[in-house]
C-alpha atoms as a PDB file:
ATOM      1  CA  MET A   1      52.115 -17.810   6.731  1.00  0.00           C
ATOM      2  CA  ARG A   2      49.935 -20.550   5.356  1.00  0.00           C
ATOM      3  CA  LYS A   3      48.191 -20.928   8.701  1.00  0.00           C
ATOM      4  CA  ALA A   4      47.442 -17.197   8.806  1.00  0.00           C
ATOM      5  CA  GLY A   5      45.955 -17.398   5.280  1.00  0.00           C
ATOM      6  CA  ILE A   6      43.644 -20.245   6.289  1.00  0.00           C
ATOM      7  CA  ILE A   7      42.502 -18.376   9.406  1.00  0.00           C
ATOM      8  CA  SER A   8      41.827 -15.235   7.351  1.00  0.00           C
ATOM      9  CA  PHE A   9      39.844 -17.277   4.818  1.00  0.00           C
ATOM     10  CA  ILE A  10      37.753 -18.881   7.592  1.00  0.00           C
ATOM     11  CA  LEU A  11      37.061 -15.505   9.227  1.00  0.00           C
ATOM     12  CA  PHE A  12      36.148 -13.965   5.860  1.00  0.00           C
ATOM     13  CA  SER A  13      33.811 -16.895   5.088  1.00  0.00           C
ATOM     14  CA  LEU A  14      32.132 -16.678   8.480  1.00  0.00           C
ATOM     15  CA  SER A  15      31.536 -12.950   8.099  1.00  0.00           C
ATOM     16  CA  GLY A  16      29.983 -13.567   4.663  1.00  0.00           C
ATOM     17  CA  ILE A  17      27.686 -16.251   6.074  1.00  0.00           C
ATOM     18  CA  SER A  18      26.524 -14.003   8.906  1.00  0.00           C
ATOM     19  CA  LEU A  19      25.853 -11.177   6.416  1.00  0.00           C
ATOM     20  CA  LEU A  20      23.720 -13.484   4.266  1.00  0.00           C
ATOM     21  CA  ALA A  21      21.798 -14.667   7.324  1.00  0.00           C
ATOM     22  CA  ALA A  22      21.146 -11.064   8.367  1.00  0.00           C
ATOM     23  CA  GLN A  23      19.754 -10.223   4.910  1.00  0.00           C
ATOM     24  CA  ASN A  24      17.268 -13.106   5.098  1.00  0.00           C
ATOM     25  CA  GLU A  25      15.949 -12.044   8.496  1.00  0.00           C
ATOM     26  CA  PRO A  26      12.995  -9.653   8.666  1.00  0.00           C
ATOM     27  CA  LYS A  27      13.987  -6.011   9.002  1.00  0.00           C
ATOM     28  CA  ARG A  28      12.161  -5.871  12.303  1.00  0.00           C
ATOM     29  CA  ALA A  29       9.672  -7.608  14.565  1.00  0.00           C
ATOM     30  CA  PRO A  30       5.978  -7.772  13.674  1.00  0.00           C
ATOM     31  CA  SER A  31       3.868  -4.668  14.138  1.00  0.00           C
ATOM     32  CA  THR A  32       2.639  -3.744  17.590  1.00  0.00           C
ATOM     33  CA  ALA A  33      -0.955  -2.974  18.555  1.00  0.00           C
ATOM     34  CA  GLU A  34       0.043   0.655  19.160  1.00  0.00           C
ATOM     35  CA  GLU A  35       1.624   0.959  15.706  1.00  0.00           C
ATOM     36  CA  ARG A  36      -1.439  -0.545  14.045  1.00  0.00           C
ATOM     37  CA  GLN A  37      -3.716   1.904  15.900  1.00  0.00           C
ATOM     38  CA  ARG A  38      -1.478   4.810  14.883  1.00  0.00           C
ATOM     39  CA  PHE A  39      -1.582   3.645  11.278  1.00  0.00           C
ATOM     40  CA  LEU A  40      -5.379   3.254  11.284  1.00  0.00           C
ATOM     41  CA  ALA A  41      -5.874   6.712  12.795  1.00  0.00           C
ATOM     42  CA  LEU A  42      -3.576   8.245  10.176  1.00  0.00           C
ATOM     43  CA  THR A  43      -5.295   6.430   7.306  1.00  0.00           C
ATOM     44  CA  HIS A  44      -8.690   7.736   8.412  1.00  0.00           C
ATOM     45  CA  LYS A  45      -7.332  11.276   8.896  1.00  0.00           C
ATOM     46  CA  LEU A  46      -5.903  11.186   5.372  1.00  0.00           C
ATOM     47  CA  GLU A  47      -9.264  10.083   3.984  1.00  0.00           C
ATOM     48  CA  GLN A  48     -10.758  13.238   5.479  1.00  0.00           C
ATOM     49  CA  ASN A  49      -7.899  15.644   4.775  1.00  0.00           C
ATOM     50  CA  PRO A  50      -5.360  14.125   2.380  1.00  0.00           C
ATOM     51  CA  LEU A  51      -3.593  17.431   1.722  1.00  0.00           C
ATOM     52  CA  ASP A  52      -2.919  18.231   5.389  1.00  0.00           C
ATOM     53  CA  LYS A  53       0.767  19.171   5.387  1.00  0.00           C
ATOM     54  CA  THR A  54       1.023  18.564   9.159  1.00  0.00           C
ATOM     55  CA  LEU A  55       0.576  14.830   8.430  1.00  0.00           C
ATOM     56  CA  TYR A  56       3.638  14.639   6.158  1.00  0.00           C
ATOM     57  CA  GLN A  57       5.951  13.113   8.774  1.00  0.00           C
ATOM     58  CA  ASP A  58       3.268  10.633   9.804  1.00  0.00           C
ATOM     59  CA  LYS A  59       2.776   9.637   6.160  1.00  0.00           C
ATOM     60  CA  LYS A  60       6.513   9.168   5.779  1.00  0.00           C
ATOM     61  CA  TRP A  61       6.521   6.973   8.891  1.00  0.00           C
ATOM     62  CA  ALA A  62       3.556   4.939   7.588  1.00  0.00           C
ATOM     63  CA  LYS A  63       5.210   4.271   4.227  1.00  0.00           C
ATOM     64  CA  GLN A  64       8.396   3.047   5.896  1.00  0.00           C
ATOM     65  CA  TRP A  65       6.461   1.069   8.494  1.00  0.00           C
ATOM     66  CA  LEU A  66       4.559  -0.825   5.777  1.00  0.00           C
ATOM     67  CA  GLU A  67       7.834  -1.648   4.041  1.00  0.00           C
ATOM     68  CA  ASP A  68       9.520  -2.856   7.213  1.00  0.00           C
ATOM     69  CA  ILE A  69       6.910  -4.902   9.043  1.00  0.00           C
ATOM     70  CA  PRO A  70       6.778  -8.591   8.148  1.00  0.00           C
ATOM     71  CA  ASP A  71       3.195  -9.282   9.254  1.00  0.00           C
ATOM     72  CA  ILE A  72       1.142  -7.005   6.958  1.00  0.00           C
ATOM     73  CA  ASN A  73       1.649  -7.545   3.251  1.00  0.00           C
ATOM     74  CA  VAL A  74      -0.436  -5.351   0.986  1.00  0.00           C
ATOM     75  CA  ASN A  75      -1.309  -6.516  -2.510  1.00  0.00           C
ATOM     76  CA  ILE A  76      -1.326  -3.700  -5.053  1.00  0.00           C
ATOM     77  CA  CYS A  77      -3.252  -3.761  -8.325  1.00  0.00           C
ATOM     78  CA  ALA A  78      -2.810  -0.526 -10.262  1.00  0.00           C
ATOM     79  CA  PRO A  79      -5.464  -1.235 -12.939  1.00  0.00           C
ATOM     80  CA  VAL A  80      -8.168  -1.164 -10.273  1.00  0.00           C
ATOM     81  CA  LEU A  81      -7.689   2.506  -9.451  1.00  0.00           C
ATOM     82  CA  PHE A  82      -5.240   3.763 -12.014  1.00  0.00           C
ATOM     83  CA  GLY A  83      -6.543   2.550 -15.337  1.00  0.00           C
ATOM     84  CA  LEU A  84      -5.430   4.105 -18.602  1.00  0.00           C
ATOM     85  CA  ASP A  85      -8.050   6.863 -18.404  1.00  0.00           C
ATOM     86  CA  PHE A  86      -6.738   8.080 -15.048  1.00  0.00           C
ATOM     87  CA  ILE A  87      -3.112   7.858 -16.178  1.00  0.00           C
ATOM     88  CA  ARG A  88      -3.884   9.878 -19.314  1.00  0.00           C
ATOM     89  CA  GLU A  89      -5.475  12.592 -17.178  1.00  0.00           C
ATOM     90  CA  GLN A  90      -2.163  13.105 -15.358  1.00  0.00           C
ATOM     91  CA  ASN A  91      -3.872  14.134 -12.139  1.00  0.00           C
ATOM     92  CA  LYS A  92      -1.411  15.928  -9.875  1.00  0.00           C
ATOM     93  CA  TYR A  93      -2.734  13.993  -6.874  1.00  0.00           C
ATOM     94  CA  THR A  94      -1.983  10.546  -8.264  1.00  0.00           C
ATOM     95  CA  PRO A  95       0.838   9.925  -5.720  1.00  0.00           C
ATOM     96  CA  GLN A  96      -1.362  10.840  -2.739  1.00  0.00           C
ATOM     97  CA  LEU A  97      -4.229   8.719  -4.028  1.00  0.00           C
ATOM     98  CA  SER A  98      -1.919   5.816  -4.762  1.00  0.00           C
ATOM     99  CA  TYR A  99      -0.576   5.835  -1.218  1.00  0.00           C
ATOM    100  CA  GLN A 100      -4.096   6.237   0.114  1.00  0.00           C
ATOM    101  CA  ALA A 101      -5.191   3.125  -1.791  1.00  0.00           C
ATOM    102  CA  THR A 102      -2.256   1.231  -0.299  1.00  0.00           C
ATOM    103  CA  PHE A 103      -2.988   2.552   3.188  1.00  0.00           C
ATOM    104  CA  GLY A 104      -6.672   1.673   2.806  1.00  0.00           C
ATOM    105  CA  ALA A 105      -5.817  -1.892   1.815  1.00  0.00           C
ATOM    106  CA  ALA A 106      -3.429  -2.205   4.767  1.00  0.00           C
ATOM    107  CA  ALA A 107      -6.093  -0.804   7.101  1.00  0.00           C
ATOM    108  CA  TYR A 108      -8.473  -3.485   5.822  1.00  0.00           C
ATOM    109  CA  ILE A 109      -5.928  -6.198   6.648  1.00  0.00           C
ATOM    110  CA  ILE A 110      -5.485  -4.761  10.144  1.00  0.00           C
ATOM    111  CA  GLU A 111      -9.226  -4.465  10.748  1.00  0.00           C
ATOM    112  CA  HIS A 112     -10.021  -7.885   9.197  1.00  0.00           C
ATOM    113  CA  PRO A 113      -7.037 -10.154   9.933  1.00  0.00           C
ATOM    114  CA  ASP A 114      -9.120 -13.236   9.105  1.00  0.00           C
ATOM    115  CA  LYS A 115      -9.462 -11.957   5.497  1.00  0.00           C
ATOM    116  CA  LYS A 116      -5.841 -11.045   4.773  1.00  0.00           C
ATOM    117  CA  GLY A 117      -5.853 -13.529   1.879  1.00  0.00           C
ATOM    118  CA  ASP A 118      -8.885 -11.935   0.212  1.00  0.00           C
ATOM    119  CA  THR A 119      -7.114  -9.737  -2.321  1.00  0.00           C
ATOM    120  CA  THR A 120     -10.336  -8.505  -3.933  1.00  0.00           C
ATOM    121  CA  ALA A 121     -11.569  -7.192  -0.574  1.00  0.00           C
ATOM    122  CA  GLN A 122      -8.177  -5.513  -0.047  1.00  0.00           C
ATOM    123  CA  TYR A 123      -8.341  -3.864  -3.462  1.00  0.00           C
ATOM    124  CA  LEU A 124     -11.904  -2.703  -2.818  1.00  0.00           C
ATOM    125  CA  ALA A 125     -10.960  -1.238   0.571  1.00  0.00           C
ATOM    126  CA  GLY A 126      -8.016   0.550  -1.045  1.00  0.00           C
ATOM    127  CA  VAL A 127     -10.171   2.013  -3.815  1.00  0.00           C
ATOM    128  CA  GLU A 128     -12.829   3.137  -1.332  1.00  0.00           C
ATOM    129  CA  SER A 129     -10.187   4.825   0.818  1.00  0.00           C
ATOM    130  CA  ALA A 130      -8.682   6.567  -2.223  1.00  0.00           C
ATOM    131  CA  LEU A 131     -12.149   7.699  -3.321  1.00  0.00           C
ATOM    132  CA  LYS A 132     -12.789   9.229   0.111  1.00  0.00           C
ATOM    133  CA  ALA A 133      -9.487  11.093  -0.164  1.00  0.00           C
ATOM    134  CA  TYR A 134     -10.285  12.145  -3.747  1.00  0.00           C
ATOM    135  CA  SER A 135     -13.672  13.499  -2.674  1.00  0.00           C
ATOM    136  CA  ALA A 136     -12.005  15.498   0.105  1.00  0.00           C
ATOM    137  CA  ILE A 137      -9.444  16.900  -2.346  1.00  0.00           C
ATOM    138  CA  VAL A 138     -12.143  17.968  -4.807  1.00  0.00           C
ATOM    139  CA  LYS A 139     -14.057  19.777  -2.035  1.00  0.00           C
ATOM    140  CA  SER A 140     -11.048  21.995  -1.378  1.00  0.00           C
ATOM    141  CA  GLU A 141      -9.743  22.081  -4.956  1.00  0.00           C
ATOM    142  CA  PRO A 142     -12.541  21.703  -7.540  1.00  0.00           C
ATOM    143  CA  ASP A 143      -9.989  21.861 -10.377  1.00  0.00           C
ATOM    144  CA  ALA A 144      -8.569  18.523  -9.203  1.00  0.00           C
ATOM    145  CA  LYS A 145     -11.520  16.626 -10.654  1.00  0.00           C
ATOM    146  CA  SER A 146     -10.820  13.394 -12.469  1.00  0.00           C
ATOM    147  CA  LYS A 147     -13.262  11.945 -14.974  1.00  0.00           C
ATOM    148  CA  ALA A 148     -11.944   8.430 -14.263  1.00  0.00           C
ATOM    149  CA  LEU A 149     -12.345   8.764 -10.495  1.00  0.00           C
ATOM    150  CA  ASP A 150     -15.755  10.394 -10.902  1.00  0.00           C
ATOM    151  CA  GLN A 151     -16.757   7.285 -12.879  1.00  0.00           C
ATOM    152  CA  LEU A 152     -15.585   5.111  -9.975  1.00  0.00           C
ATOM    153  CA  LEU A 153     -17.619   7.251  -7.567  1.00  0.00           C
ATOM    154  CA  GLU A 154     -20.638   6.740  -9.808  1.00  0.00           C
ATOM    155  CA  LYS A 155     -20.078   2.968  -9.786  1.00  0.00           C
ATOM    156  CA  GLN A 156     -19.875   3.155  -5.993  1.00  0.00           C
ATOM    157  CA  LYS A 157     -23.135   5.111  -5.825  1.00  0.00           C
ATOM    158  CA  GLN A 158     -24.817   2.504  -8.054  1.00  0.00           C
ATOM    159  CA  GLY A 159     -23.518  -0.369  -5.914  1.00  0.00           C
ATOM    160  CA  LYS A 160     -21.335  -1.635  -8.782  1.00  0.00           C
ATOM    161  CA  LEU A 161     -17.884  -0.785  -7.420  1.00  0.00           C
ATOM    162  CA  ALA A 162     -17.225  -4.263  -5.964  1.00  0.00           C
ATOM    163  CA  ASP A 163     -18.018  -5.893  -9.326  1.00  0.00           C
ATOM    164  CA  PHE A 164     -15.756  -3.419 -11.112  1.00  0.00           C
ATOM    165  CA  VAL A 165     -12.892  -4.075  -8.688  1.00  0.00           C
ATOM    166  CA  ARG A 166     -13.310  -7.846  -8.981  1.00  0.00           C
ATOM    167  CA  ASP A 167     -13.218  -7.653 -12.802  1.00  0.00           C
ATOM    168  CA  ALA A 168     -10.376  -5.116 -12.979  1.00  0.00           C
ATOM    169  CA  SER A 169      -8.233  -7.063 -10.518  1.00  0.00           C
ATOM    170  CA  LYS A 170      -8.397 -10.319 -12.508  1.00  0.00           C
ATOM    171  CA  GLU A 171      -5.427  -9.080 -14.519  1.00  0.00           C
ATOM    172  CA  CYS A 172      -3.343  -8.774 -11.335  1.00  0.00           C
ATOM    173  CA  ASP A 173      -4.500 -12.120  -9.978  1.00  0.00           C
ATOM    174  CA  ASP A 174      -3.653 -13.801 -13.296  1.00  0.00           C
ATOM    175  CA  LYS A 175      -0.126 -12.334 -13.146  1.00  0.00           C
ATOM    176  CA  LYS A 176       0.325 -13.579  -9.564  1.00  0.00           C
ATOM    177  CA  GLU A 177      -0.723 -17.104 -10.545  1.00  0.00           C
ATOM    178  CA  GLY A 178       1.716 -17.077 -13.482  1.00  0.00           C
ATOM    179  CA  MET A 179       4.687 -16.379 -11.226  1.00  0.00           C
END
């Protein structure tokens, strides 16, 4: 009886150790070239037609893919795109634009792997991608205008968007350093 108890304890302990090891392993292997190309194509399609319902399943795949892959880690800084003015507006397209900013930043990492540590460039690429999507939305739905995003478009037109992003993202970079 005692021997059986010890064997059960050992088996239970071993199963617990293997479970812990499995949780620390990446969910999957790094992304493939084909997956990255699929993601880039989708991101650019969504910049042109962000409300295309036929892309829903692809968007769902892309969200999950970004969560699962260990080799592309997107930094997100909400104040850059979604400052208080935009949040107060309660734009119904905030979720689409948020994902587009994330997709745009990921696309930047894929297209510029040597700059994956440049968070400001990632943020800027994300904002530019979201602004393309926003502009496409407004063309088909003029009532979707956002004063805050129109101000970002104006900064872009004036060549001041990069400075804005750098300044707005300091808050996020400060929080990362404090961790």
